[in-house]
Amino acid sequence: MDFLLKNFLYNFKNLRWAKGRRETYLCYVVKRRDSATSCSLDFGYLRNQPLYEVDDLRDAFKTLGL
């Protein structure tokens, strides 16, 4: 079980640069469905991106006076 946990944390840790680790892709299609036929308005994919670092958020809140 310890191996599985270490393997999971290695592959799915929130890192700014995670080369060689798992990457997540979200594919999407935006369709208009206000009639009997639907037409595709947009499609594409998003690749995983790191969350903001705590220090970056703290600086942004200070800048905004929050």
N, C-alpha and C. Protein backbone atom coordinates (compact mmCIF):
# COMPACT_ATOMS: atom_id res chain seq x y z
N MET A 1 0.82 -1.20 0.00
CA MET A 1 0.00 0.00 0.00
C MET A 1 0.86 1.25 0.00
N ASP A 2 1.98 1.21 0.69
CA ASP A 2 2.87 2.36 0.75
C ASP A 2 3.38 2.71 -0.65
N PHE A 3 3.67 1.71 -1.47
CA PHE A 3 4.13 1.94 -2.83
C PHE A 3 3.06 2.67 -3.65
N LEU A 4 1.80 2.25 -3.52
CA LEU A 4 0.72 2.88 -4.26
C LEU A 4 0.56 4.35 -3.88
N LEU A 5 0.66 4.64 -2.59
CA LEU A 5 0.53 6.02 -2.14
C LEU A 5 1.68 6.88 -2.68
N LYS A 6 2.90 6.38 -2.60
CA LYS A 6 4.05 7.12 -3.12
C LYS A 6 3.93 7.33 -4.63
N ASN A 7 3.49 6.31 -5.34
CA ASN A 7 3.31 6.41 -6.78
C ASN A 7 2.24 7.44 -7.13
N PHE A 8 1.13 7.43 -6.40
CA PHE A 8 0.07 8.40 -6.64
C PHE A 8 0.56 9.82 -6.39
N LEU A 9 1.22 10.04 -5.26
CA LEU A 9 1.70 11.37 -4.93
C LEU A 9 2.74 11.86 -5.93
N TYR A 10 3.57 10.97 -6.43
CA TYR A 10 4.57 11.35 -7.42
C TYR A 10 3.91 11.83 -8.71
N ASN A 11 2.90 11.12 -9.16
CA ASN A 11 2.28 11.42 -10.45
C ASN A 11 1.24 12.53 -10.41
N PHE A 12 0.64 12.78 -9.27
CA PHE A 12 -0.46 13.74 -9.22
C PHE A 12 -0.23 14.88 -8.25
N LYS A 13 1.00 15.15 -7.87
CA LYS A 13 1.31 16.26 -6.99
C LYS A 13 1.14 17.57 -7.77
N ASN A 14 0.64 18.61 -7.11
CA ASN A 14 0.42 19.89 -7.76
C ASN A 14 1.75 20.64 -7.86
N LEU A 15 2.41 20.51 -9.00
CA LEU A 15 3.69 21.16 -9.22
C LEU A 15 3.58 22.13 -10.39
N ARG A 16 4.35 23.20 -10.32
CA ARG A 16 4.35 24.15 -11.43
C ARG A 16 4.90 23.49 -12.69
N TRP A 17 5.99 22.77 -12.59
CA TRP A 17 6.59 22.06 -13.71
C TRP A 17 6.65 20.58 -13.36
N ALA A 18 5.85 19.77 -14.01
CA ALA A 18 5.78 18.35 -13.67
C ALA A 18 6.14 17.49 -14.88
N LYS A 19 7.28 17.77 -15.48
CA LYS A 19 7.71 16.99 -16.65
C LYS A 19 7.91 15.53 -16.25
N GLY A 20 7.47 14.64 -17.10
CA GLY A 20 7.62 13.22 -16.85
C GLY A 20 6.55 12.66 -15.94
N ARG A 21 5.65 13.49 -15.51
CA ARG A 21 4.57 13.02 -14.64
C ARG A 21 3.27 13.04 -15.42
N ARG A 22 2.23 12.60 -14.79
CA ARG A 22 0.94 12.52 -15.47
C ARG A 22 0.47 13.90 -15.89
N GLU A 23 -0.16 13.96 -17.04
CA GLU A 23 -0.78 15.19 -17.48
C GLU A 23 -2.26 14.91 -17.69
N THR A 24 -3.06 15.89 -17.38
CA THR A 24 -4.51 15.76 -17.49
C THR A 24 -5.00 16.64 -18.62
N TYR A 25 -5.84 16.10 -19.46
CA TYR A 25 -6.43 16.86 -20.56
C TYR A 25 -7.95 16.81 -20.41
N LEU A 26 -8.59 17.94 -20.64
CA LEU A 26 -10.04 18.01 -20.64
C LEU A 26 -10.46 18.42 -22.05
N CYS A 27 -11.11 17.52 -22.76
CA CYS A 27 -11.61 17.81 -24.10
C CYS A 27 -13.03 18.33 -23.98
N TYR A 28 -13.37 19.32 -24.82
CA TYR A 28 -14.72 19.87 -24.73
C TYR A 28 -15.26 20.20 -26.11
N VAL A 29 -16.59 20.17 -26.20
CA VAL A 29 -17.31 20.60 -27.39
C VAL A 29 -18.47 21.45 -26.90
N VAL A 30 -18.62 22.64 -27.45
CA VAL A 30 -19.73 23.53 -27.10
C VAL A 30 -20.71 23.49 -28.26
N LYS A 31 -21.95 23.09 -27.95
CA LYS A 31 -22.97 22.99 -28.99
C LYS A 31 -24.15 23.88 -28.67
N ARG A 32 -24.78 24.37 -29.69
CA ARG A 32 -26.01 25.16 -29.54
C ARG A 32 -27.17 24.22 -29.78
N ARG A 33 -28.08 24.17 -28.81
CA ARG A 33 -29.20 23.23 -28.91
C ARG A 33 -30.53 23.93 -28.70
N ASP A 34 -30.80 24.96 -29.45
CA ASP A 34 -32.08 25.65 -29.30
C ASP A 34 -33.05 25.29 -30.42
N SER A 35 -32.72 24.26 -31.20
CA SER A 35 -33.63 23.78 -32.23
C SER A 35 -33.48 22.25 -32.33
N ALA A 36 -34.12 21.68 -33.31
CA ALA A 36 -34.05 20.23 -33.47
C ALA A 36 -32.64 19.77 -33.82
N THR A 37 -31.89 20.62 -34.48
CA THR A 37 -30.51 20.27 -34.83
C THR A 37 -29.55 21.07 -33.95
N SER A 38 -28.44 20.49 -33.67
CA SER A 38 -27.44 21.20 -32.87
C SER A 38 -26.21 21.46 -33.74
N CYS A 39 -25.64 22.63 -33.58
CA CYS A 39 -24.43 22.93 -34.33
C CYS A 39 -23.28 23.18 -33.36
N SER A 40 -22.11 22.77 -33.76
CA SER A 40 -20.93 22.92 -32.92
C SER A 40 -20.40 24.35 -33.03
N LEU A 41 -20.30 25.04 -31.88
CA LEU A 41 -19.81 26.41 -31.86
C LEU A 41 -18.32 26.47 -31.57
N ASP A 42 -17.83 25.56 -30.77
CA ASP A 42 -16.43 25.58 -30.39
C ASP A 42 -16.02 24.20 -29.89
N PHE A 43 -14.77 23.90 -30.01
CA PHE A 43 -14.23 22.65 -29.49
C PHE A 43 -12.75 22.85 -29.21
N GLY A 44 -12.21 21.97 -28.40
CA GLY A 44 -10.79 22.07 -28.09
C GLY A 44 -10.44 21.25 -26.88
N TYR A 45 -9.34 21.62 -26.27
CA TYR A 45 -8.91 20.91 -25.07
C TYR A 45 -8.17 21.88 -24.15
N LEU A 46 -8.17 21.53 -22.89
CA LEU A 46 -7.42 22.26 -21.88
C LEU A 46 -6.44 21.28 -21.25
N ARG A 47 -5.22 21.71 -21.06
CA ARG A 47 -4.22 20.86 -20.41
C ARG A 47 -4.05 21.31 -18.97
N ASN A 48 -3.68 20.38 -18.11
CA ASN A 48 -3.56 20.71 -16.70
C ASN A 48 -2.64 21.91 -16.50
N GLN A 49 -3.01 22.76 -15.55
CA GLN A 49 -2.21 23.91 -15.20
C GLN A 49 -2.12 23.96 -13.68
N PRO A 50 -1.01 24.40 -13.16
CA PRO A 50 -0.85 24.43 -11.70
C PRO A 50 -1.74 25.48 -11.08
N LEU A 51 -2.13 25.23 -9.86
CA LEU A 51 -2.85 26.23 -9.10
C LEU A 51 -1.89 27.33 -8.69
N TYR A 52 -2.44 28.44 -8.27
CA TYR A 52 -1.59 29.53 -7.81
C TYR A 52 -0.86 29.13 -6.54
N GLU A 53 0.35 29.59 -6.41
CA GLU A 53 1.09 29.39 -5.18
C GLU A 53 0.49 30.29 -4.10
N VAL A 54 0.58 29.88 -2.86
CA VAL A 54 0.02 30.65 -1.75
C VAL A 54 0.61 32.05 -1.71
N ASP A 55 1.91 32.17 -1.94
CA ASP A 55 2.55 33.49 -1.90
C ASP A 55 2.01 34.40 -3.00
N ASP A 56 1.74 33.84 -4.18
CA ASP A 56 1.18 34.64 -5.26
C ASP A 56 -0.19 35.18 -4.89
N LEU A 57 -1.02 34.33 -4.28
CA LEU A 57 -2.35 34.77 -3.86
C LEU A 57 -2.27 35.82 -2.77
N ARG A 58 -1.37 35.62 -1.83
CA ARG A 58 -1.20 36.57 -0.73
C ARG A 58 -0.80 37.94 -1.29
N ASP A 59 0.12 37.97 -2.23
CA ASP A 59 0.55 39.23 -2.85
C ASP A 59 -0.60 39.89 -3.61
N ALA A 60 -1.40 39.09 -4.30
CA ALA A 60 -2.53 39.64 -5.05
C ALA A 60 -3.55 40.25 -4.10
N PHE A 61 -3.84 39.59 -2.98
CA PHE A 61 -4.78 40.13 -2.01
C PHE A 61 -4.26 41.42 -1.40
N LYS A 62 -2.96 41.49 -1.12
CA LYS A 62 -2.38 42.72 -0.57
C LYS A 62 -2.49 43.85 -1.57
N THR A 63 -2.24 43.56 -2.84
CA THR A 63 -2.33 44.57 -3.89
C THR A 63 -3.75 45.12 -3.99
N LEU A 64 -4.73 44.24 -3.84
CA LEU A 64 -6.14 44.65 -3.92
C LEU A 64 -6.64 45.26 -2.62
N GLY A 65 -5.83 45.22 -1.58
CA GLY A 65 -6.25 45.77 -0.30
C GLY A 65 -7.20 44.88 0.46
N LEU A 66 -7.15 43.60 0.21
CA LEU A 66 -8.05 42.65 0.89
C LEU A 66 -7.36 41.98 2.05
